[in-house]
Amino acid sequence: MPILHLLVPRQANLGRITICLSRRPLSDLLPRLVGILLPRTALERIQREHTERIGLSLQEVVMKRSILVVLAILALAPLTFAKEGDERKREQDRLQNADLVMQEILKVPDNIPQDLLDKARCVIVMPSVLKAAFVVGGSYGRGTMVCRTGKDFSGPWGAPAMYALEGGSVGFQIGGEATDLVFLVMNNRGANSLLHSKVRLGADASAAAGPVGRLASADTDAYMRSEILSYSRARGVFAGVSLEGSTLRPDNVADRHLYGRSIHAAEIIDGSEVQPPAPAIDLIALLQKASPRLKS
């Protein structure tokens, strides 16, 4: 059912009103709409003015004014729906770009060590992060996190949640051109932290630049202690990169655009009933093929 969000004047103290456009006759909806939009004092004033000057009943006056209000709302409805469609398309494109990034990274000889990928609970992909975005301020990298399903993140890879990368040392660590960033979340504590709050790398979660090479050893103390390992790719060069001081957080607005309803990262990752959007299917299948089972 289509939904409209209506903003009313601040003095009405009503905030945002959501109106569902049903198949009921307009005449049935008008009294309810009027009761929402016009406070009692306004109704009394309208009744007094028009009964004195024009002789119209309150019902007739309100009906005429309400028709104008509803027609205005309906006229603006296509613009609202078009904007929502544009935002959803943007997030869908981001998922497809994340899939392309992972495809290309997994094809190069010196990429993520297989041992690390098999131990990762989640993978975060931030396609085309720009240094300029962090220098200007107020902007950030955006991408997606895909996790293994199940209570202990031991099942198959599941639906994606959208994430944002902000500030810190990002602008100084990546080059001037567009850079793809990939994060491996290596244990349950790191994954659970990311699901519920903003995480500062190096403070809220231990982080390190990840090693490269499919056969590289992941048993060194630095990698075993780290909750999040980070990588960058620019101009075809893939390497570990330290992003301590930067923050990762769930992008709830992007999730709402992608899934068409208000939903949080924890609900997406923990919810076995959440169906992945179609643009995420290839990315999930890619991770499932690359690392079908979690290894402890």
C-alpha atoms as a PDB file:
ATOM      1  CA  MET A   1       0.000   0.000   0.000  1.00  0.00           C
ATOM      2  CA  PRO A   2       1.483   3.400  -0.937  1.00  0.00           C
ATOM      3  CA  ILE A   3       2.520   5.580   1.960  1.00  0.00           C
ATOM      4  CA  LEU A   4       2.879   9.344   2.129  1.00  0.00           C
ATOM      5  CA  HIS A   5       4.884  11.227   4.742  1.00  0.00           C
ATOM      6  CA  LEU A   6       3.348  14.624   5.462  1.00  0.00           C
ATOM      7  CA  LEU A   7       5.197  17.420   7.265  1.00  0.00           C
ATOM      8  CA  VAL A   8       2.944  19.804   9.185  1.00  0.00           C
ATOM      9  CA  PRO A   9       3.791  23.216  10.730  1.00  0.00           C
ATOM     10  CA  ARG A  10       5.915  23.134  13.869  1.00  0.00           C
ATOM     11  CA  GLN A  11       3.321  25.040  15.878  1.00  0.00           C
ATOM     12  CA  ALA A  12       0.882  22.188  15.369  1.00  0.00           C
ATOM     13  CA  ASN A  13       3.277  20.022  17.405  1.00  0.00           C
ATOM     14  CA  LEU A  14       2.461  16.982  15.323  1.00  0.00           C
ATOM     15  CA  GLY A  15       5.785  16.114  13.630  1.00  0.00           C
ATOM     16  CA  ARG A  16       5.512  13.800  10.638  1.00  0.00           C
ATOM     17  CA  ILE A  17       2.217  12.182   9.711  1.00  0.00           C
ATOM     18  CA  THR A  18       2.073   8.983   7.682  1.00  0.00           C
ATOM     19  CA  ILE A  19      -0.985   8.552   5.472  1.00  0.00           C
ATOM     20  CA  CYS A  20      -1.794   5.244   3.796  1.00  0.00           C
ATOM     21  CA  LEU A  21      -3.593   5.634   0.484  1.00  0.00           C
ATOM     22  CA  SER A  22      -6.233   2.931   0.519  1.00  0.00           C
ATOM     23  CA  ARG A  23      -9.105   2.137  -1.805  1.00  0.00           C
ATOM     24  CA  ARG A  24     -11.630   3.682   0.558  1.00  0.00           C
ATOM     25  CA  PRO A  25     -13.674   6.616  -0.803  1.00  0.00           C
ATOM     26  CA  LEU A  26     -12.067  10.015  -0.335  1.00  0.00           C
ATOM     27  CA  SER A  27     -15.111  11.198   1.600  1.00  0.00           C
ATOM     28  CA  ASP A  28     -14.397   8.537   4.245  1.00  0.00           C
ATOM     29  CA  LEU A  29     -10.785   9.625   4.628  1.00  0.00           C
ATOM     30  CA  LEU A  30     -11.354  13.381   4.837  1.00  0.00           C
ATOM     31  CA  PRO A  31     -12.801  13.592   8.366  1.00  0.00           C
ATOM     32  CA  ARG A  32      -9.840  11.650   9.750  1.00  0.00           C
ATOM     33  CA  LEU A  33      -7.362  13.768   7.812  1.00  0.00           C
ATOM     34  CA  VAL A  34      -9.015  16.969   9.019  1.00  0.00           C
ATOM     35  CA  GLY A  35      -8.904  15.804  12.607  1.00  0.00           C
ATOM     36  CA  ILE A  36      -5.154  15.308  12.251  1.00  0.00           C
ATOM     37  CA  LEU A  37      -4.294  18.482  10.381  1.00  0.00           C
ATOM     38  CA  LEU A  38      -6.494  21.046  12.143  1.00  0.00           C
ATOM     39  CA  PRO A  39      -6.374  21.552  15.907  1.00  0.00           C
ATOM     40  CA  ARG A  40      -9.646  22.087  17.720  1.00  0.00           C
ATOM     41  CA  THR A  41      -9.101  25.840  18.103  1.00  0.00           C
ATOM     42  CA  ALA A  42      -8.691  26.188  14.342  1.00  0.00           C
ATOM     43  CA  LEU A  43     -11.891  24.267  13.720  1.00  0.00           C
ATOM     44  CA  GLU A  44     -13.806  26.505  16.102  1.00  0.00           C
ATOM     45  CA  ARG A  45     -12.440  29.642  14.436  1.00  0.00           C
ATOM     46  CA  ILE A  46     -13.382  28.387  10.988  1.00  0.00           C
ATOM     47  CA  GLN A  47     -16.873  27.552  12.170  1.00  0.00           C
ATOM     48  CA  ARG A  48     -17.377  30.976  13.744  1.00  0.00           C
ATOM     49  CA  GLU A  49     -16.065  32.935  10.770  1.00  0.00           C
ATOM     50  CA  HIS A  50     -17.955  31.123   8.096  1.00  0.00           C
ATOM     51  CA  THR A  51     -21.231  30.725   9.888  1.00  0.00           C
ATOM     52  CA  GLU A  52     -21.253  34.480  10.537  1.00  0.00           C
ATOM     53  CA  ARG A  53     -20.128  35.694   7.105  1.00  0.00           C
ATOM     54  CA  ILE A  54     -21.150  33.038   4.637  1.00  0.00           C
ATOM     55  CA  GLY A  55     -23.588  30.816   6.418  1.00  0.00           C
ATOM     56  CA  LEU A  56     -21.767  27.613   5.501  1.00  0.00           C
ATOM     57  CA  SER A  57     -21.784  24.767   7.993  1.00  0.00           C
ATOM     58  CA  LEU A  58     -18.547  23.580   9.561  1.00  0.00           C
ATOM     59  CA  GLN A  59     -18.783  20.312   7.666  1.00  0.00           C
ATOM     60  CA  GLU A  60     -19.070  22.087   4.309  1.00  0.00           C
ATOM     61  CA  VAL A  61     -16.137  24.415   5.040  1.00  0.00           C
ATOM     62  CA  VAL A  62     -13.886  21.651   6.282  1.00  0.00           C
ATOM     63  CA  MET A  63     -14.797  19.408   3.359  1.00  0.00           C
ATOM     64  CA  LYS A  64     -13.823  22.068   0.821  1.00  0.00           C
ATOM     65  CA  ARG A  65     -10.538  22.881   2.515  1.00  0.00           C
ATOM     66  CA  SER A  66      -9.724  19.221   2.992  1.00  0.00           C
ATOM     67  CA  ILE A  67     -10.245  18.456  -0.658  1.00  0.00           C
ATOM     68  CA  LEU A  68      -7.620  21.073  -1.522  1.00  0.00           C
ATOM     69  CA  VAL A  69      -5.185  19.610   1.023  1.00  0.00           C
ATOM     70  CA  VAL A  70      -5.606  16.060  -0.250  1.00  0.00           C
ATOM     71  CA  LEU A  71      -5.251  17.137  -3.888  1.00  0.00           C
ATOM     72  CA  ALA A  72      -1.999  18.896  -2.999  1.00  0.00           C
ATOM     73  CA  ILE A  73      -0.713  15.762  -1.246  1.00  0.00           C
ATOM     74  CA  LEU A  74      -1.601  13.567  -4.199  1.00  0.00           C
ATOM     75  CA  ALA A  75       0.131  15.975  -6.572  1.00  0.00           C
ATOM     76  CA  LEU A  76       3.364  15.658  -4.589  1.00  0.00           C
ATOM     77  CA  ALA A  77       3.156  11.869  -4.211  1.00  0.00           C
ATOM     78  CA  PRO A  78       5.020  11.024  -7.472  1.00  0.00           C
ATOM     79  CA  LEU A  79       7.960  13.168  -6.354  1.00  0.00           C
ATOM     80  CA  THR A  80       8.152  11.327  -3.021  1.00  0.00           C
ATOM     81  CA  PHE A  81       8.038   7.917  -4.664  1.00  0.00           C
ATOM     82  CA  ALA A  82      10.621   8.937  -7.291  1.00  0.00           C
ATOM     83  CA  LYS A  83      13.075  10.057  -4.616  1.00  0.00           C
ATOM     84  CA  GLU A  84      12.698   6.776  -2.720  1.00  0.00           C
ATOM     85  CA  GLY A  85      13.309   4.897  -5.961  1.00  0.00           C
ATOM     86  CA  ASP A  86      16.501   6.854  -6.651  1.00  0.00           C
ATOM     87  CA  GLU A  87      17.854   6.161  -3.158  1.00  0.00           C
ATOM     88  CA  ARG A  88      17.121   2.443  -3.446  1.00  0.00           C
ATOM     89  CA  LYS A  89      18.825   2.289  -6.852  1.00  0.00           C
ATOM     90  CA  ARG A  90      21.900   3.960  -5.351  1.00  0.00           C
ATOM     91  CA  GLU A  91      22.215   1.299  -2.657  1.00  0.00           C
ATOM     92  CA  GLN A  92      21.603  -1.489  -5.155  1.00  0.00           C
ATOM     93  CA  ASP A  93      24.404  -0.117  -7.336  1.00  0.00           C
ATOM     94  CA  ARG A  94      26.671  -0.046  -4.293  1.00  0.00           C
ATOM     95  CA  LEU A  95      26.018  -3.763  -3.701  1.00  0.00           C
ATOM     96  CA  GLN A  96      26.829  -4.588  -7.313  1.00  0.00           C
ATOM     97  CA  ASN A  97      30.037  -2.549  -7.150  1.00  0.00           C
ATOM     98  CA  ALA A  98      31.029  -4.378  -3.968  1.00  0.00           C
ATOM     99  CA  ASP A  99      30.564  -7.677  -5.803  1.00  0.00           C
ATOM    100  CA  LEU A 100      32.795  -6.485  -8.657  1.00  0.00           C
ATOM    101  CA  VAL A 101      35.498  -5.397  -6.186  1.00  0.00           C
ATOM    102  CA  MET A 102      35.538  -8.800  -4.470  1.00  0.00           C
ATOM    103  CA  GLN A 103      35.553 -10.645  -7.797  1.00  0.00           C
ATOM    104  CA  GLU A 104      38.615  -8.741  -8.960  1.00  0.00           C
ATOM    105  CA  ILE A 105      40.446  -9.015  -5.626  1.00  0.00           C
ATOM    106  CA  LEU A 106      39.961 -12.781  -5.401  1.00  0.00           C
ATOM    107  CA  LYS A 107      41.371 -13.203  -8.906  1.00  0.00           C
ATOM    108  CA  VAL A 108      44.779 -11.659  -8.236  1.00  0.00           C
ATOM    109  CA  PRO A 109      47.575 -13.993  -7.028  1.00  0.00           C
ATOM    110  CA  ASP A 110      48.489 -12.017  -3.906  1.00  0.00           C
ATOM    111  CA  ASN A 111      45.075 -11.450  -2.395  1.00  0.00           C
ATOM    112  CA  ILE A 112      43.465 -12.314   0.963  1.00  0.00           C
ATOM    113  CA  PRO A 113      45.037 -15.439   2.509  1.00  0.00           C
ATOM    114  CA  GLN A 114      42.626 -18.355   2.310  1.00  0.00           C
ATOM    115  CA  ASP A 115      43.179 -19.165   5.977  1.00  0.00           C
ATOM    116  CA  LEU A 116      42.050 -15.677   7.014  1.00  0.00           C
ATOM    117  CA  LEU A 117      39.014 -15.674   4.747  1.00  0.00           C
ATOM    118  CA  ASP A 118      37.940 -19.024   6.172  1.00  0.00           C
ATOM    119  CA  LYS A 119      38.177 -17.651   9.723  1.00  0.00           C
ATOM    120  CA  ALA A 120      36.380 -14.372   8.976  1.00  0.00           C
ATOM    121  CA  ARG A 121      32.896 -13.923  10.428  1.00  0.00           C
ATOM    122  CA  CYS A 122      32.067 -10.962   8.204  1.00  0.00           C
ATOM    123  CA  VAL A 123      33.448  -9.168   5.154  1.00  0.00           C
ATOM    124  CA  ILE A 124      32.986  -5.421   4.629  1.00  0.00           C
ATOM    125  CA  VAL A 125      33.519  -3.940   1.165  1.00  0.00           C
ATOM    126  CA  MET A 126      33.779  -0.179   0.549  1.00  0.00           C
ATOM    127  CA  PRO A 127      34.010   0.426  -3.209  1.00  0.00           C
ATOM    128  CA  SER A 128      35.642   3.588  -4.586  1.00  0.00           C
ATOM    129  CA  VAL A 129      36.438   5.482  -1.395  1.00  0.00           C
ATOM    130  CA  LEU A 130      37.922   8.899  -2.191  1.00  0.00           C
ATOM    131  CA  LYS A 131      40.535  10.683  -0.094  1.00  0.00           C
ATOM    132  CA  ALA A 132      38.933  14.029  -0.969  1.00  0.00           C
ATOM    133  CA  ALA A 133      35.719  12.968   0.770  1.00  0.00           C
ATOM    134  CA  PHE A 134      37.496  12.816   4.117  1.00  0.00           C
ATOM    135  CA  VAL A 135      39.557  15.965   3.616  1.00  0.00           C
ATOM    136  CA  VAL A 136      36.465  18.072   2.956  1.00  0.00           C
ATOM    137  CA  GLY A 137      34.718  16.643   6.024  1.00  0.00           C
ATOM    138  CA  GLY A 138      31.153  15.552   6.522  1.00  0.00           C
ATOM    139  CA  SER A 139      31.489  12.858   3.861  1.00  0.00           C
ATOM    140  CA  TYR A 140      32.397   9.229   4.216  1.00  0.00           C
ATOM    141  CA  GLY A 141      32.912   5.974   2.424  1.00  0.00           C
ATOM    142  CA  ARG A 142      29.916   3.717   2.026  1.00  0.00           C
ATOM    143  CA  GLY A 143      29.670   0.011   1.475  1.00  0.00           C
ATOM    144  CA  THR A 144      28.187  -3.218   2.739  1.00  0.00           C
ATOM    145  CA  MET A 145      28.862  -5.910   5.320  1.00  0.00           C
ATOM    146  CA  VAL A 146      28.021  -9.560   4.660  1.00  0.00           C
ATOM    147  CA  CYS A 147      28.277 -12.026   7.545  1.00  0.00           C
ATOM    148  CA  ARG A 148      27.948 -15.733   8.029  1.00  0.00           C
ATOM    149  CA  THR A 149      24.554 -16.596   9.469  1.00  0.00           C
ATOM    150  CA  GLY A 150      23.795 -18.367  12.727  1.00  0.00           C
ATOM    151  CA  LYS A 151      24.274 -17.557  16.393  1.00  0.00           C
ATOM    152  CA  ASP A 152      28.059 -18.005  16.245  1.00  0.00           C
ATOM    153  CA  PHE A 153      28.463 -16.797  12.636  1.00  0.00           C
ATOM    154  CA  SER A 154      29.121 -20.362  11.548  1.00  0.00           C
ATOM    155  CA  GLY A 155      26.452 -20.775   8.848  1.00  0.00           C
ATOM    156  CA  PRO A 156      26.348 -19.804   5.180  1.00  0.00           C
ATOM    157  CA  TRP A 157      26.789 -16.172   4.148  1.00  0.00           C
ATOM    158  CA  GLY A 158      23.610 -14.115   4.562  1.00  0.00           C
ATOM    159  CA  ALA A 159      21.856 -10.849   3.688  1.00  0.00           C
ATOM    160  CA  PRO A 160      23.931  -7.644   3.539  1.00  0.00           C
ATOM    161  CA  ALA A 161      23.718  -4.631   5.848  1.00  0.00           C
ATOM    162  CA  MET A 162      24.944  -1.238   4.661  1.00  0.00           C
ATOM    163  CA  TYR A 163      27.848   0.470   6.473  1.00  0.00           C
ATOM    164  CA  ALA A 164      29.624   3.829   6.584  1.00  0.00           C
ATOM    165  CA  LEU A 165      33.321   4.560   7.092  1.00  0.00           C
ATOM    166  CA  GLU A 166      34.204   7.915   8.610  1.00  0.00           C
ATOM    167  CA  GLY A 167      37.189  10.184   9.199  1.00  0.00           C
ATOM    168  CA  GLY A 168      40.209   9.351  11.246  1.00  0.00           C
ATOM    169  CA  SER A 169      43.281   8.442   9.251  1.00  0.00           C
ATOM    170  CA  VAL A 170      41.481   7.279   6.119  1.00  0.00           C
ATOM    171  CA  GLY A 171      42.226  10.381   4.079  1.00  0.00           C
ATOM    172  CA  PHE A 172      45.952  10.131   4.786  1.00  0.00           C
ATOM    173  CA  GLN A 173      46.294   6.390   4.301  1.00  0.00           C
ATOM    174  CA  ILE A 174      44.617   6.061   0.915  1.00  0.00           C
ATOM    175  CA  GLY A 175      45.887   7.673  -2.238  1.00  0.00           C
ATOM    176  CA  GLY A 176      44.440  10.552  -4.213  1.00  0.00           C
ATOM    177  CA  GLU A 177      42.530   8.264  -6.583  1.00  0.00           C
ATOM    178  CA  ALA A 178      39.492   6.115  -5.847  1.00  0.00           C
ATOM    179  CA  THR A 179      40.462   3.284  -3.506  1.00  0.00           C
ATOM    180  CA  ASP A 180      38.559   0.111  -2.687  1.00  0.00           C
ATOM    181  CA  LEU A 181      38.671  -0.965   0.961  1.00  0.00           C
ATOM    182  CA  VAL A 182      37.988  -4.432   2.352  1.00  0.00           C
ATOM    183  CA  PHE A 183      37.716  -5.405   6.019  1.00  0.00           C
ATOM    184  CA  LEU A 184      37.699  -8.886   7.529  1.00  0.00           C
ATOM    185  CA  VAL A 185      35.936  -9.229  10.887  1.00  0.00           C
ATOM    186  CA  MET A 186      37.788 -12.059  12.574  1.00  0.00           C
ATOM    187  CA  ASN A 187      35.818 -12.960  15.701  1.00  0.00           C
ATOM    188  CA  ASN A 188      32.352 -12.874  17.254  1.00  0.00           C
ATOM    189  CA  ARG A 189      33.133  -9.940  19.526  1.00  0.00           C
ATOM    190  CA  GLY A 190      34.142  -7.742  16.613  1.00  0.00           C
ATOM    191  CA  ALA A 191      31.085  -8.752  14.612  1.00  0.00           C
ATOM    192  CA  ASN A 192      28.651  -8.130  17.474  1.00  0.00           C
ATOM    193  CA  SER A 193      30.205  -4.726  18.174  1.00  0.00           C
ATOM    194  CA  LEU A 194      29.688  -3.637  14.577  1.00  0.00           C
ATOM    195  CA  LEU A 195      26.071  -4.773  14.592  1.00  0.00           C
ATOM    196  CA  HIS A 196      25.023  -2.491  17.424  1.00  0.00           C
ATOM    197  CA  SER A 197      27.189   0.612  17.483  1.00  0.00           C
ATOM    198  CA  LYS A 198      29.863   2.789  15.919  1.00  0.00           C
ATOM    199  CA  VAL A 199      33.273   1.132  16.256  1.00  0.00           C
ATOM    200  CA  ARG A 200      36.538   3.072  16.300  1.00  0.00           C
ATOM    201  CA  LEU A 201      39.321   0.967  14.824  1.00  0.00           C
ATOM    202  CA  GLY A 202      42.211   0.510  17.221  1.00  0.00           C
ATOM    203  CA  ALA A 203      40.144   1.622  20.252  1.00  0.00           C
ATOM    204  CA  ASP A 204      36.766  -0.132  20.342  1.00  0.00           C
ATOM    205  CA  ALA A 205      38.088  -2.980  18.232  1.00  0.00           C
ATOM    206  CA  SER A 206      41.686  -4.068  17.684  1.00  0.00           C
ATOM    207  CA  ALA A 207      42.691  -3.589  14.063  1.00  0.00           C
ATOM    208  CA  ALA A 208      45.682  -4.205  11.809  1.00  0.00           C
ATOM    209  CA  ALA A 209      46.735  -4.122   8.179  1.00  0.00           C
ATOM    210  CA  GLY A 210      46.040  -7.552   6.765  1.00  0.00           C
ATOM    211  CA  PRO A 211      48.660  -9.791   5.142  1.00  0.00           C
ATOM    212  CA  VAL A 212      48.402 -10.677   1.460  1.00  0.00           C
ATOM    213  CA  GLY A 213      49.096 -13.846  -0.496  1.00  0.00           C
ATOM    214  CA  ARG A 214      46.813 -16.876  -0.595  1.00  0.00           C
ATOM    215  CA  LEU A 215      49.363 -18.995   1.245  1.00  0.00           C
ATOM    216  CA  ALA A 216      50.571 -16.326   3.691  1.00  0.00           C
ATOM    217  CA  SER A 217      50.634 -17.397   7.312  1.00  0.00           C
ATOM    218  CA  ALA A 218      47.917 -15.915   9.513  1.00  0.00           C
ATOM    219  CA  ASP A 219      49.263 -17.381  12.746  1.00  0.00           C
ATOM    220  CA  THR A 220      51.406 -14.435  13.853  1.00  0.00           C
ATOM    221  CA  ASP A 221      50.410 -12.723  17.104  1.00  0.00           C
ATOM    222  CA  ALA A 222      49.405  -9.482  15.368  1.00  0.00           C
ATOM    223  CA  TYR A 223      46.861 -11.193  13.151  1.00  0.00           C
ATOM    224  CA  MET A 224      45.572 -13.573  15.811  1.00  0.00           C
ATOM    225  CA  ARG A 225      44.904 -10.697  18.231  1.00  0.00           C
ATOM    226  CA  SER A 226      43.227  -8.415  15.700  1.00  0.00           C
ATOM    227  CA  GLU A 227      39.453  -8.307  15.505  1.00  0.00           C
ATOM    228  CA  ILE A 228      39.430  -6.464  12.179  1.00  0.00           C
ATOM    229  CA  LEU A 229      41.957  -6.697   9.328  1.00  0.00           C
ATOM    230  CA  SER A 230      41.912  -4.045   6.605  1.00  0.00           C
ATOM    231  CA  TYR A 231      43.023  -3.981   2.982  1.00  0.00           C
ATOM    232  CA  SER A 232      43.102  -1.433   0.165  1.00  0.00           C
ATOM    233  CA  ARG A 233      43.226  -1.663  -3.604  1.00  0.00           C
ATOM    234  CA  ALA A 234      44.189   1.224  -5.876  1.00  0.00           C
ATOM    235  CA  ARG A 235      45.379   1.089  -9.480  1.00  0.00           C
ATOM    236  CA  GLY A 236      45.289  -2.670  -9.310  1.00  0.00           C
ATOM    237  CA  VAL A 237      47.651  -2.878  -6.306  1.00  0.00           C
ATOM    238  CA  PHE A 238      46.189  -4.821  -3.372  1.00  0.00           C
ATOM    239  CA  ALA A 239      47.810  -4.481   0.048  1.00  0.00           C
ATOM    240  CA  GLY A 240      47.106  -4.335   3.756  1.00  0.00           C
ATOM    241  CA  VAL A 241      46.471  -0.851   5.145  1.00  0.00           C
ATOM    242  CA  SER A 242      46.201   0.462   8.695  1.00  0.00           C
ATOM    243  CA  LEU A 243      43.064   2.532   9.309  1.00  0.00           C
ATOM    244  CA  GLU A 244      43.316   2.989  13.066  1.00  0.00           C
ATOM    245  CA  GLY A 245      41.317   5.958  14.302  1.00  0.00           C
ATOM    246  CA  SER A 246      38.681   5.589  11.600  1.00  0.00           C
ATOM    247  CA  THR A 247      35.170   4.471  12.490  1.00  0.00           C
ATOM    248  CA  LEU A 248      32.764   1.952  11.035  1.00  0.00           C
ATOM    249  CA  ARG A 249      29.054   2.208  11.774  1.00  0.00           C
ATOM    250  CA  PRO A 250      25.762   0.758  10.540  1.00  0.00           C
ATOM    251  CA  ASP A 251      24.116   2.963   7.896  1.00  0.00           C
ATOM    252  CA  ASN A 252      20.477   2.651   8.986  1.00  0.00           C
ATOM    253  CA  VAL A 253      19.239   5.171   6.408  1.00  0.00           C
ATOM    254  CA  ALA A 254      20.799   3.176   3.570  1.00  0.00           C
ATOM    255  CA  ASP A 255      19.297  -0.049   4.955  1.00  0.00           C
ATOM    256  CA  ARG A 256      15.845   1.569   4.957  1.00  0.00           C
ATOM    257  CA  HIS A 257      16.259   2.598   1.328  1.00  0.00           C
ATOM    258  CA  LEU A 258      17.533  -0.851   0.328  1.00  0.00           C
ATOM    259  CA  TYR A 259      14.933  -2.963   2.152  1.00  0.00           C
ATOM    260  CA  GLY A 260      12.020  -0.541   1.865  1.00  0.00           C
ATOM    261  CA  ARG A 261      11.370  -0.394   5.613  1.00  0.00           C
ATOM    262  CA  SER A 262      13.030   0.644   8.833  1.00  0.00           C
ATOM    263  CA  ILE A 263      15.468  -2.119   9.752  1.00  0.00           C
ATOM    264  CA  HIS A 264      18.734  -2.239  11.687  1.00  0.00           C
ATOM    265  CA  ALA A 265      21.950  -4.103  10.917  1.00  0.00           C
ATOM    266  CA  ALA A 266      21.454  -6.561  13.787  1.00  0.00           C
ATOM    267  CA  GLU A 267      18.002  -7.481  12.462  1.00  0.00           C
ATOM    268  CA  ILE A 268      19.414  -8.103   8.993  1.00  0.00           C
ATOM    269  CA  ILE A 269      22.424 -10.156  10.061  1.00  0.00           C
ATOM    270  CA  ASP A 270      20.675 -12.042  12.886  1.00  0.00           C
ATOM    271  CA  GLY A 271      17.362 -12.460  11.104  1.00  0.00           C
ATOM    272  CA  SER A 272      17.226 -15.730   9.215  1.00  0.00           C
ATOM    273  CA  GLU A 273      13.947 -14.618   7.626  1.00  0.00           C
ATOM    274  CA  VAL A 274      15.407 -11.488   6.003  1.00  0.00           C
ATOM    275  CA  GLN A 275      15.638 -12.111   2.278  1.00  0.00           C
ATOM    276  CA  PRO A 276      18.687 -10.667   0.504  1.00  0.00           C
ATOM    277  CA  PRO A 277      17.859  -8.089  -2.181  1.00  0.00           C
ATOM    278  CA  ALA A 278      18.434  -9.323  -5.716  1.00  0.00           C
ATOM    279  CA  PRO A 279      21.580  -7.183  -6.343  1.00  0.00           C
ATOM    280  CA  ALA A 280      23.283  -8.909  -3.373  1.00  0.00           C
ATOM    281  CA  ILE A 281      22.831 -12.478  -4.617  1.00  0.00           C
ATOM    282  CA  ASP A 282      26.049 -12.534  -6.662  1.00  0.00           C
ATOM    283  CA  LEU A 283      28.170 -11.157  -3.808  1.00  0.00           C
ATOM    284  CA  ILE A 284      26.759 -13.705  -1.349  1.00  0.00           C
ATOM    285  CA  ALA A 285      27.326 -16.546  -3.835  1.00  0.00           C
ATOM    286  CA  LEU A 286      30.903 -15.368  -4.446  1.00  0.00           C
ATOM    287  CA  LEU A 287      31.738 -15.455  -0.734  1.00  0.00           C
ATOM    288  CA  GLN A 288      30.008 -18.806  -0.311  1.00  0.00           C
ATOM    289  CA  LYS A 289      32.107 -20.288  -3.112  1.00  0.00           C
ATOM    290  CA  ALA A 290      35.352 -18.710  -1.865  1.00  0.00           C
ATOM    291  CA  SER A 291      34.821 -19.793   1.758  1.00  0.00           C
ATOM    292  CA  PRO A 292      31.906 -22.197   2.230  1.00  0.00           C
ATOM    293  CA  ARG A 293      32.610 -23.038   5.910  1.00  0.00           C
ATOM    294  CA  LEU A 294      33.921 -21.216   8.951  1.00  0.00           C
ATOM    295  CA  LYS A 295      37.156 -22.629  10.320  1.00  0.00           C
ATOM    296  CA  SER A 296      38.117 -22.070  13.939  1.00  0.00           C
END
